[in-house]
Amino acid sequence: MKTTPEVLFVCVHNAGRSQMAAGLLHHHAAGAVHVRSAGSAPADEINPAVRGAMAEIGLDISREFPKPLTDEVVQAADVVITMGCGDACPIYPGKRYLDWELADPAGQSIDAVRPIRDEIDRRVRALLAELLTTSAS
């Protein structure tokens, strides 16, 4: 039985929203949550504006790379958060699924990415508070 909750962030290319969410949750959770991200159609690299927006707040995601969505990562997760990947994410009983409707940073300037990052950060902090409360009870 695992004691650390596992969260999977999924978007289409795993180059923007899901990478920001994973980086933010990993940072804020400080090891209290296991974090993964994946894409239903992974890109070749992370969006440069996303890397820049994260670097502005002191988070370096330059070593990250887009990863494919697999049944294994979905099955391992306690919470699966989709961000615009539609029906590409397999559904398994007993998993908690959330869909975060967020603007896609693909092709956007860093100025356009900042508010997306900040909204993801707000949601990640709320999710973390909930996960820590749930795992403590």
Protein backbone atom coordinates (compact mmCIF):
# COMPACT_ATOMS: atom_id res chain seq x y z
CA MET A 1 0.00 0.00 0.00
CA LYS A 2 1.50 3.31 -1.04
CA THR A 3 1.50 6.20 1.38
CA THR A 4 2.52 8.96 -1.04
CA PRO A 5 -0.26 10.13 -3.35
CA GLU A 6 0.57 10.08 -7.05
CA VAL A 7 -0.66 12.71 -9.49
CA LEU A 8 -0.49 12.50 -13.27
CA PHE A 9 -0.89 15.63 -15.42
CA VAL A 10 -1.89 14.96 -19.03
CA CYS A 11 -2.10 17.29 -22.01
CA VAL A 12 -1.77 16.67 -25.72
CA HIS A 13 1.89 17.50 -26.31
CA ASN A 14 3.28 17.32 -22.74
CA ALA A 15 5.22 20.44 -23.68
CA GLY A 16 3.33 23.16 -21.82
CA ARG A 17 0.46 22.93 -19.34
CA SER A 18 1.23 19.47 -17.96
CA GLN A 19 4.94 20.28 -17.63
CA MET A 20 4.19 23.51 -15.75
CA ALA A 21 1.73 21.70 -13.46
CA ALA A 22 4.18 18.88 -12.75
CA GLY A 23 7.03 21.31 -12.04
CA LEU A 24 4.88 23.43 -9.74
CA LEU A 25 3.45 20.48 -7.81
CA HIS A 26 6.86 18.87 -7.49
CA HIS A 27 8.22 22.15 -6.10
CA HIS A 28 5.38 22.88 -3.69
CA ALA A 29 4.95 19.27 -2.48
CA ALA A 30 8.64 18.90 -1.60
CA GLY A 31 8.44 15.10 -1.84
CA ALA A 32 5.00 14.68 -0.25
CA VAL A 33 3.44 13.79 -3.62
CA HIS A 34 4.81 11.72 -6.49
CA VAL A 35 4.33 13.70 -9.71
CA ARG A 36 4.30 12.63 -13.36
CA SER A 37 3.26 14.19 -16.63
CA ALA A 38 2.54 12.77 -20.06
CA GLY A 39 1.07 13.63 -23.43
CA SER A 40 -1.34 11.86 -25.73
CA ALA A 41 0.78 13.07 -28.71
CA PRO A 42 4.11 14.18 -27.17
CA ALA A 43 6.03 17.01 -28.83
CA ASP A 44 9.76 16.92 -29.53
CA GLU A 45 10.61 19.43 -26.80
CA ILE A 46 9.12 21.64 -24.11
CA ASN A 47 7.75 24.97 -25.31
CA PRO A 48 10.54 27.57 -24.89
CA ALA A 49 8.09 30.19 -23.56
CA VAL A 50 6.98 27.68 -20.91
CA ARG A 51 10.60 27.03 -19.89
CA GLY A 52 11.13 30.80 -19.67
CA ALA A 53 7.97 31.44 -17.63
CA MET A 54 8.95 28.74 -15.17
CA ALA A 55 12.53 30.03 -14.93
CA GLU A 56 11.14 33.46 -14.03
CA ILE A 57 9.75 31.98 -10.82
CA GLY A 58 12.90 30.01 -10.07
CA LEU A 59 11.85 26.62 -11.44
CA ASP A 60 14.19 25.02 -13.97
CA ILE A 61 12.37 22.51 -16.18
CA SER A 62 15.05 22.54 -18.89
CA ARG A 63 15.97 18.90 -18.17
CA GLU A 64 12.38 17.74 -18.62
CA PHE A 65 11.10 16.32 -21.90
CA PRO A 66 7.70 15.34 -23.32
CA LYS A 67 6.70 11.79 -22.36
CA PRO A 68 4.07 9.52 -23.90
CA LEU A 69 0.86 8.67 -22.12
CA THR A 70 0.79 4.97 -21.24
CA ASP A 71 -1.67 2.74 -19.42
CA GLU A 72 1.00 2.12 -16.77
CA VAL A 73 1.33 5.77 -15.72
CA VAL A 74 -2.45 6.15 -15.56
CA GLN A 75 -2.82 2.96 -13.51
CA ALA A 76 -0.12 4.14 -11.08
CA ALA A 77 -1.82 7.50 -10.45
CA ASP A 78 -4.30 8.28 -7.71
CA VAL A 79 -5.36 11.51 -9.40
CA VAL A 80 -5.29 12.09 -13.17
CA ILE A 81 -5.62 15.70 -14.28
CA THR A 82 -6.32 16.24 -17.95
CA MET A 83 -5.72 19.54 -19.70
CA GLY A 84 -7.27 19.49 -23.13
CA CYS A 85 -6.44 15.94 -24.20
CA GLY A 86 -10.07 14.96 -24.65
CA ASP A 87 -10.82 11.26 -24.75
CA ALA A 88 -7.18 10.20 -25.23
CA CYS A 89 -6.73 9.38 -21.55
CA PRO A 90 -7.77 5.86 -20.56
CA ILE A 91 -10.33 5.66 -17.76
CA TYR A 92 -9.82 3.18 -14.93
CA PRO A 93 -12.19 2.53 -12.03
CA GLY A 94 -11.04 3.85 -8.69
CA LYS A 95 -9.04 6.73 -10.13
CA ARG A 96 -9.96 10.33 -9.53
CA TYR A 97 -10.13 12.33 -12.74
CA LEU A 98 -10.15 16.12 -12.99
CA ASP A 99 -10.26 18.17 -16.17
CA TRP A 100 -8.62 21.57 -15.94
CA GLU A 101 -9.72 23.79 -18.79
CA LEU A 102 -6.76 26.04 -19.47
CA ALA A 103 -5.53 28.02 -22.45
CA ASP A 104 -2.91 26.21 -24.52
CA PRO A 105 0.50 27.93 -24.38
CA ALA A 106 1.56 26.44 -27.75
CA GLY A 107 2.77 29.19 -30.04
CA GLN A 108 2.23 31.86 -27.36
CA SER A 109 4.65 34.51 -26.14
CA ILE A 110 6.01 34.42 -22.61
CA ASP A 111 3.64 37.30 -21.80
CA ALA A 112 0.70 35.06 -22.74
CA VAL A 113 2.14 32.07 -20.87
CA ARG A 114 2.53 33.86 -17.51
CA PRO A 115 -1.21 34.01 -16.69
CA ILE A 116 -1.59 30.33 -17.68
CA ARG A 117 1.31 29.47 -15.36
CA ASP A 118 -0.20 31.51 -12.55
CA GLU A 119 -3.63 29.84 -12.92
CA ILE A 120 -1.99 26.40 -12.93
CA ASP A 121 -0.06 27.40 -9.80
CA ARG A 122 -3.29 28.43 -8.06
CA ARG A 123 -4.93 25.09 -8.92
CA VAL A 124 -1.84 23.07 -7.98
CA ARG A 125 -1.67 24.72 -4.55
CA ALA A 126 -5.36 23.97 -3.93
CA LEU A 127 -4.89 20.34 -5.05
CA LEU A 128 -1.83 19.94 -2.82
CA ALA A 129 -3.68 21.30 0.22
CA GLU A 130 -6.48 18.81 -0.44
CA LEU A 131 -4.10 15.88 -0.98
CA LEU A 132 -2.17 16.62 2.19
CA THR A 133 -5.39 16.93 4.21
CA THR A 134 -6.72 13.65 2.76
CA SER A 135 -3.50 11.70 3.29
CA ALA A 136 -3.23 12.94 6.88
CA SER A 137 -6.68 11.61 7.78
